[in-house]
Amino acid sequence: METTPQPTSIGRVIAISAGLALIVGILTLAFAWPSAGMGPNEVPIAVIGPDEAADQVQSQLDEAQPDGFDVTAVADPAEAETLIKEREVYAALAITPESVDLYTASAASPTVARLVTGIAEQMAAHMGEAGGQPGSVQVNSQDIVPLPADDPNGAGLAASAFPMAMGGIVIAALISFNVRGSGRQAAAAVLAPLAVGAGVAAILMYVLESVDGDYVAISGALALTMAATAWGLLGLAKLLGRAGFVLGAVIVMLVGNPLSGMAGAPELLPAPWGAFGQFLSPGAGGTLVRSTAYFDGNGGEAVVWTLAAWIVAGVLLFTIGAVRAKVKGVNEGVKEPVPAEA
């Protein structure tokens, strides 16, 4: 006779509901909190003029937004432009009695460019009112490193943050659970990021037209980013099994991706999480891709070492796991059967 399955206990139903609420709550917090808490945190900008002018602007900004900006004095517009192109500052201001001259780089962060533009407009308005001639002080804005005309808001590059993070996870998952043999897994972990990076670069450059620059360099930056994620997860999976893979994937998606700063800038995330996100592969990779696409690699030197460190760590974990598995297999193979007692 067939037995009727027993209904799930009320306690189990409650536990599942509570677990789902916790999981969805964590997901909501991970992805919404950085955006909800977005605001300037030590955003580096320059003021063209003497140190006294920079100090005055710093004081004004601190009153409106404490610790929001880090102001540096530069001698002339040429020096300011150099700092912007080298990604040392996001923008520069030159204040005269007649105008506020603003130099930005929307390619570095359209959000920061809009933020600094608003500040320049407020300064100009206050100067005009203080002089008894409202509206007399103009803002002259120049975008030193603009975004492509087909994507003036940088939406394509910002949206690529998720595929970059997910790409490394998918590569690691397919290799870990579908490729047999440590040597073949290692070979796949070298070839797959190169192929995926080339494909994503082609989409960003020629389909979405969201980035400019050298195709080979951009595809290389994308490949390095995905290799860093993939090797980290491969190493954890080889050493700890599925639990290690899940742990790595959670870190990448729930910590690294929200803290990457791709939607705005690392300096706009709540401190110190924006800086911390640059030590994880999604944040480091996003910075490298932006620097490669728009700034001839400037500002990407440090994150290259970060991504390389993730790859090295992943390779070490992978090697340890592979050697341990081989030793275990050898030991099991040499065990002699124990004769049965008479």
Protein backbone atom coordinates (compact mmCIF):
# COMPACT_ATOMS: atom_id res chain seq x y z
CA MET A 1 0.00 0.00 0.00
CA GLU A 2 1.17 3.51 -0.78
CA THR A 3 1.63 5.72 2.20
CA THR A 4 0.53 9.35 2.13
CA PRO A 5 3.48 11.70 2.66
CA GLN A 6 3.34 13.44 5.97
CA PRO A 7 2.77 17.21 5.75
CA THR A 8 5.71 19.44 6.54
CA SER A 9 5.79 20.44 10.17
CA ILE A 10 4.77 23.96 11.12
CA GLY A 11 8.18 24.47 12.72
CA ARG A 12 9.95 23.67 9.46
CA VAL A 13 7.66 26.04 7.54
CA ILE A 14 8.44 28.82 10.02
CA ALA A 15 12.17 28.10 9.84
CA ILE A 16 12.14 28.21 6.01
CA SER A 17 10.20 31.48 6.03
CA ALA A 18 12.59 33.02 8.55
CA GLY A 19 15.60 31.82 6.53
CA LEU A 20 14.21 33.33 3.33
CA ALA A 21 13.53 36.61 5.10
CA LEU A 22 17.12 36.65 6.37
CA ILE A 23 18.59 35.86 2.94
CA VAL A 24 16.50 38.46 1.10
CA GLY A 25 17.26 41.00 3.84
CA ILE A 26 20.99 40.42 3.46
CA LEU A 27 20.73 40.75 -0.33
CA THR A 28 18.76 43.99 0.03
CA LEU A 29 21.26 45.40 2.50
CA ALA A 30 24.26 44.40 0.39
CA PHE A 31 23.02 46.02 -2.81
CA ALA A 32 20.96 48.95 -1.51
CA TRP A 33 23.05 50.18 1.42
CA PRO A 34 26.02 51.51 -0.59
CA SER A 35 23.66 53.51 -2.84
CA ALA A 36 21.53 54.75 0.07
CA GLY A 37 24.62 55.94 1.94
CA MET A 38 26.31 57.45 -1.11
CA GLY A 39 28.02 60.78 -0.54
CA PRO A 40 31.46 62.37 -0.89
CA ASN A 41 34.18 60.98 1.36
CA GLU A 42 37.58 62.63 0.83
CA VAL A 43 36.96 63.11 -2.89
CA PRO A 44 40.24 64.57 -4.24
CA ILE A 45 39.87 67.83 -6.17
CA ALA A 46 42.28 70.66 -7.03
CA VAL A 47 42.07 74.43 -6.74
CA ILE A 48 44.14 76.49 -9.17
CA GLY A 49 45.86 79.19 -7.19
CA PRO A 50 47.92 79.71 -4.04
CA ASP A 51 47.63 77.55 -0.94
CA GLU A 52 45.47 80.22 0.69
CA ALA A 53 42.84 79.83 -2.03
CA ALA A 54 42.82 76.06 -1.60
CA ASP A 55 42.50 76.42 2.17
CA GLN A 56 39.58 78.78 1.75
CA VAL A 57 37.76 76.39 -0.59
CA GLN A 58 38.53 73.50 1.77
CA SER A 59 36.94 75.43 4.66
CA GLN A 60 33.85 76.23 2.61
CA LEU A 61 33.42 72.62 1.56
CA ASP A 62 33.98 71.33 5.09
CA GLU A 63 31.17 73.55 6.33
CA ALA A 64 28.78 72.14 3.75
CA GLN A 65 30.08 68.55 3.75
CA PRO A 66 32.55 67.66 6.55
CA ASP A 67 35.36 65.40 5.27
CA GLY A 68 33.67 65.27 1.90
CA PHE A 69 36.56 66.64 -0.17
CA ASP A 70 40.34 66.68 -0.10
CA VAL A 71 41.54 69.90 -1.76
CA THR A 72 44.99 70.30 -3.31
CA ALA A 73 46.50 73.57 -4.59
CA VAL A 74 47.96 73.57 -8.11
CA ALA A 75 49.83 76.31 -9.94
CA ASP A 76 47.96 76.52 -13.24
CA PRO A 77 45.35 74.84 -15.48
CA ALA A 78 48.03 72.71 -17.18
CA GLU A 79 49.00 71.11 -13.87
CA ALA A 80 45.34 70.60 -13.00
CA GLU A 81 44.72 68.91 -16.35
CA THR A 82 47.69 66.61 -15.79
CA LEU A 83 46.42 65.56 -12.37
CA ILE A 84 42.98 64.86 -13.80
CA LYS A 85 44.37 62.74 -16.64
CA GLU A 86 46.59 60.84 -14.20
CA ARG A 87 43.56 60.20 -11.96
CA GLU A 88 45.08 62.02 -9.02
CA VAL A 89 42.01 64.30 -8.73
CA TYR A 90 38.49 64.17 -10.10
CA ALA A 91 38.14 67.88 -10.88
CA ALA A 92 39.75 71.30 -10.54
CA LEU A 93 38.43 74.78 -9.80
CA ALA A 94 39.84 78.19 -10.68
CA ILE A 95 38.02 81.02 -8.88
CA THR A 96 38.23 84.62 -10.10
CA PRO A 97 36.02 87.64 -9.33
CA GLU A 98 34.31 87.23 -12.70
CA SER A 99 33.96 83.46 -13.03
CA VAL A 100 34.43 79.98 -11.63
CA ASP A 101 36.36 77.87 -14.12
CA LEU A 102 35.66 74.16 -13.68
CA TYR A 103 37.65 71.25 -15.11
CA THR A 104 36.10 67.79 -14.78
CA ALA A 105 36.50 64.24 -16.11
CA SER A 106 33.11 62.63 -16.59
CA ALA A 107 34.91 59.43 -17.66
CA ALA A 108 36.33 59.13 -14.14
CA SER A 109 32.86 59.41 -12.62
CA PRO A 110 29.85 61.20 -14.11
CA THR A 111 28.35 61.32 -10.63
CA VAL A 112 31.33 63.20 -9.19
CA ALA A 113 31.39 65.49 -12.23
CA ARG A 114 27.75 66.44 -11.63
CA LEU A 115 28.42 66.87 -7.91
CA VAL A 116 31.36 69.22 -8.44
CA THR A 117 29.46 71.13 -11.12
CA GLY A 118 26.70 71.79 -8.61
CA ILE A 119 29.24 73.03 -6.08
CA ALA A 120 30.79 75.38 -8.67
CA GLU A 121 27.35 76.78 -9.50
CA GLN A 122 26.63 77.40 -5.81
CA MET A 123 29.96 79.18 -5.39
CA ALA A 124 29.27 81.39 -8.39
CA ALA A 125 25.81 82.25 -7.08
CA HIS A 126 27.14 83.18 -3.63
CA MET A 127 29.91 85.30 -5.15
CA GLY A 128 27.42 87.20 -7.28
CA GLU A 129 25.13 87.81 -4.33
CA ALA A 130 28.02 88.94 -2.14
CA GLY A 131 29.02 91.45 -4.81
CA GLY A 132 25.48 92.79 -5.08
CA GLN A 133 25.04 91.46 -8.61
CA PRO A 134 23.26 88.10 -8.54
CA GLY A 135 23.98 86.00 -11.59
CA SER A 136 26.99 88.05 -12.63
CA VAL A 137 29.55 85.30 -11.89
CA GLN A 138 29.53 82.60 -14.55
CA VAL A 139 30.64 78.97 -14.43
CA ASN A 140 32.89 77.94 -17.32
CA SER A 141 33.05 74.16 -17.46
CA GLN A 142 35.43 71.98 -19.47
CA ASP A 143 35.30 68.17 -19.56
CA ILE A 144 38.94 67.09 -19.82
CA VAL A 145 38.21 63.36 -20.25
CA PRO A 146 34.63 62.98 -21.51
CA LEU A 147 32.62 59.82 -21.86
CA PRO A 148 31.78 58.54 -25.36
CA ALA A 149 28.99 60.44 -27.11
CA ASP A 150 26.94 57.23 -27.42
CA ASP A 151 27.00 56.71 -23.64
CA PRO A 152 27.35 60.15 -22.03
CA ASN A 153 26.22 58.91 -18.62
CA GLY A 154 28.55 55.92 -18.46
CA ALA A 155 25.63 53.53 -18.02
CA GLY A 156 27.22 50.74 -20.05
CA LEU A 157 30.43 50.60 -18.05
CA ALA A 158 28.57 50.89 -14.73
CA ALA A 159 26.23 48.06 -15.74
CA SER A 160 29.21 45.86 -16.64
CA ALA A 161 30.17 45.55 -12.96
CA PHE A 162 27.72 42.72 -12.40
CA PRO A 163 28.71 40.73 -15.52
CA MET A 164 32.39 41.13 -14.62
CA ALA A 165 31.80 39.70 -11.14
CA MET A 166 29.41 37.02 -12.36
CA GLY A 167 31.74 36.11 -15.23
CA GLY A 168 34.48 35.06 -12.84
CA ILE A 169 32.01 33.06 -10.75
CA VAL A 170 30.59 31.25 -13.79
CA ILE A 171 34.08 30.45 -15.07
CA ALA A 172 35.09 28.99 -11.71
CA ALA A 173 31.84 27.02 -11.37
CA LEU A 174 32.05 25.44 -14.81
CA ILE A 175 35.70 24.52 -14.38
CA SER A 176 35.40 23.24 -10.80
CA PHE A 177 32.41 21.00 -11.41
CA ASN A 178 32.74 20.04 -15.08
CA VAL A 179 36.46 19.72 -15.85
CA ARG A 180 38.34 16.69 -14.47
CA GLY A 181 42.05 16.77 -13.76
CA SER A 182 43.94 19.56 -12.02
CA GLY A 183 46.11 20.26 -15.05
CA ARG A 184 43.12 20.65 -17.34
CA GLN A 185 41.37 22.84 -14.78
CA ALA A 186 44.41 25.12 -14.61
CA ALA A 187 44.59 25.35 -18.39
CA ALA A 188 40.90 26.20 -18.59
CA ALA A 189 41.35 28.86 -15.89
CA VAL A 190 43.94 30.54 -18.12
CA LEU A 191 42.07 30.27 -21.42
CA ALA A 192 38.51 31.01 -20.28
CA PRO A 193 39.13 34.50 -18.82
CA LEU A 194 40.99 35.48 -21.99
CA ALA A 195 38.07 34.37 -24.16
CA VAL A 196 35.42 35.94 -21.95
CA GLY A 197 37.39 39.18 -21.60
CA ALA A 198 37.70 39.44 -25.39
CA GLY A 199 33.97 38.90 -25.81
CA VAL A 200 32.92 41.42 -23.15
CA ALA A 201 35.36 44.01 -24.50
CA ALA A 202 33.88 43.61 -27.98
CA ILE A 203 30.37 44.15 -26.62
CA LEU A 204 31.34 47.23 -24.60
CA MET A 205 33.33 48.79 -27.45
CA TYR A 206 31.51 47.85 -30.64
CA VAL A 207 27.94 47.04 -29.61
CA LEU A 208 27.20 49.35 -26.68
CA GLU A 209 29.96 51.82 -27.62
CA SER A 210 30.39 52.59 -23.93
CA VAL A 211 34.17 52.64 -23.84
CA ASP A 212 36.97 53.95 -26.01
CA GLY A 213 40.60 52.98 -26.17
CA ASP A 214 42.67 50.03 -27.30
CA TYR A 215 40.68 46.80 -27.68
CA VAL A 216 43.55 44.53 -26.68
CA ALA A 217 44.29 46.54 -23.53
CA ILE A 218 40.62 46.65 -22.47
CA SER A 219 40.08 42.94 -23.12
CA GLY A 220 43.26 42.26 -21.13
CA ALA A 221 41.96 44.32 -18.19
CA LEU A 222 38.66 42.43 -18.28
CA ALA A 223 40.45 39.08 -18.54
CA LEU A 224 42.68 39.91 -15.56
CA THR A 225 39.62 40.89 -13.52
CA MET A 226 37.77 37.67 -14.26
CA ALA A 227 40.90 35.58 -13.78
CA ALA A 228 41.35 37.07 -10.31
CA THR A 229 37.80 36.12 -9.33
CA ALA A 230 37.93 32.73 -11.04
CA TRP A 231 41.27 31.67 -9.54
CA GLY A 232 40.21 32.78 -6.07
CA LEU A 233 37.08 30.63 -6.25
CA LEU A 234 38.90 27.73 -7.92
CA GLY A 235 41.44 27.70 -5.11
CA LEU A 236 38.76 27.72 -2.43
CA ALA A 237 36.80 25.00 -4.23
CA LYS A 238 39.89 22.81 -4.66
CA LEU A 239 40.83 23.17 -1.01
CA LEU A 240 37.43 23.19 0.70
CA GLY A 241 35.06 21.73 -1.87
CA ARG A 242 31.63 23.18 -2.60
CA ALA A 243 31.60 25.05 0.70
CA GLY A 244 34.73 26.94 -0.35
CA PHE A 245 33.21 27.83 -3.70
CA VAL A 246 30.01 29.10 -2.07
CA LEU A 247 32.04 31.16 0.42
CA GLY A 248 34.03 32.80 -2.37
CA ALA A 249 30.94 33.48 -4.49
CA VAL A 250 29.18 35.14 -1.54
CA ILE A 251 32.20 37.39 -0.92
CA VAL A 252 32.36 38.42 -4.57
CA MET A 253 28.64 39.07 -5.08
CA LEU A 254 27.50 40.34 -1.68
CA VAL A 255 30.62 42.27 -0.69
CA GLY A 256 32.86 42.89 -3.68
CA ASN A 257 30.23 43.85 -6.26
CA PRO A 258 28.28 46.39 -4.13
CA LEU A 259 31.53 47.96 -2.92
CA SER A 260 33.15 48.13 -6.37
CA GLY A 261 32.27 51.81 -6.84
CA MET A 262 31.43 51.25 -10.50
CA ALA A 263 28.08 53.04 -10.22
CA GLY A 264 29.72 56.25 -8.99
CA ALA A 265 33.18 56.25 -7.44
CA PRO A 266 34.81 54.51 -4.48
CA GLU A 267 35.03 57.89 -2.71
CA LEU A 268 31.23 58.19 -2.83
CA LEU A 269 30.66 55.01 -0.81
CA PRO A 270 30.40 55.12 2.99
CA ALA A 271 33.88 55.27 4.54
CA PRO A 272 35.90 53.12 4.82
CA TRP A 273 34.04 50.64 2.63
CA GLY A 274 34.83 52.36 -0.66
CA ALA A 275 38.56 51.95 -0.06
CA PHE A 276 38.06 48.39 1.20
CA GLY A 277 36.18 47.48 -1.98
CA GLN A 278 39.26 48.31 -4.04
CA PHE A 279 41.06 45.37 -2.42
CA LEU A 280 38.47 42.92 -3.80
CA SER A 281 38.50 41.76 -7.41
CA PRO A 282 35.28 43.52 -8.59
CA GLY A 283 36.40 46.92 -7.29
CA ALA A 284 39.99 46.56 -8.44
CA GLY A 285 38.86 45.27 -11.82
CA GLY A 286 36.37 48.09 -12.31
CA THR A 287 39.02 50.69 -11.58
CA LEU A 288 41.45 48.98 -13.96
CA VAL A 289 38.93 48.81 -16.80
CA ARG A 290 37.97 52.49 -16.37
CA SER A 291 41.63 53.55 -16.23
CA THR A 292 42.48 51.46 -19.30
CA ALA A 293 39.49 52.63 -21.33
CA TYR A 294 39.73 56.36 -20.70
CA PHE A 295 43.03 57.29 -19.02
CA ASP A 296 45.72 55.30 -20.86
CA GLY A 297 46.12 53.09 -17.80
CA ASN A 298 46.77 55.96 -15.38
CA GLY A 299 45.43 55.19 -11.92
CA GLY A 300 45.41 51.46 -12.57
CA GLU A 301 48.86 50.50 -11.34
CA ALA A 302 47.89 49.64 -7.75
CA VAL A 303 44.83 47.60 -8.68
CA VAL A 304 46.88 45.49 -11.10
CA TRP A 305 48.90 44.30 -8.10
CA THR A 306 45.67 43.67 -6.19
CA LEU A 307 44.29 41.47 -8.97
CA ALA A 308 47.64 39.71 -9.34
CA ALA A 309 47.62 38.99 -5.60
CA TRP A 310 44.19 37.35 -5.90
CA ILE A 311 45.44 35.19 -8.75
CA VAL A 312 48.57 34.16 -6.83
CA ALA A 313 46.52 33.36 -3.73
CA GLY A 314 44.09 31.33 -5.83
CA VAL A 315 46.90 29.41 -7.51
CA LEU A 316 48.47 28.61 -4.13
CA LEU A 317 45.17 27.36 -2.69
CA PHE A 318 44.52 25.37 -5.87
CA THR A 319 47.97 23.79 -5.72
CA ILE A 320 47.64 22.89 -2.04
CA GLY A 321 44.23 21.35 -2.68
CA ALA A 322 45.47 19.40 -5.71
CA VAL A 323 48.53 18.05 -3.89
CA ARG A 324 46.47 17.08 -0.87
CA ALA A 325 43.95 15.26 -3.07
CA LYS A 326 46.75 13.40 -4.89
CA VAL A 327 48.43 12.38 -1.64
CA LYS A 328 45.11 11.17 -0.30
CA GLY A 329 44.52 9.13 -3.45
CA VAL A 330 47.98 7.56 -3.26
CA ASN A 331 47.53 6.64 0.41
CA GLU A 332 44.19 5.03 -0.27
CA GLY A 333 45.68 3.11 -3.20
CA VAL A 334 48.50 1.56 -1.17
CA LYS A 335 46.31 0.38 1.69
CA GLU A 336 46.38 -3.40 1.91
CA PRO A 337 43.16 -5.24 2.62
CA VAL A 338 42.91 -6.51 6.18
CA PRO A 339 42.44 -10.29 6.20
CA ALA A 340 39.24 -11.49 7.81
CA GLU A 341 39.58 -13.29 11.10
CA ALA A 342 39.06 -17.02 10.98
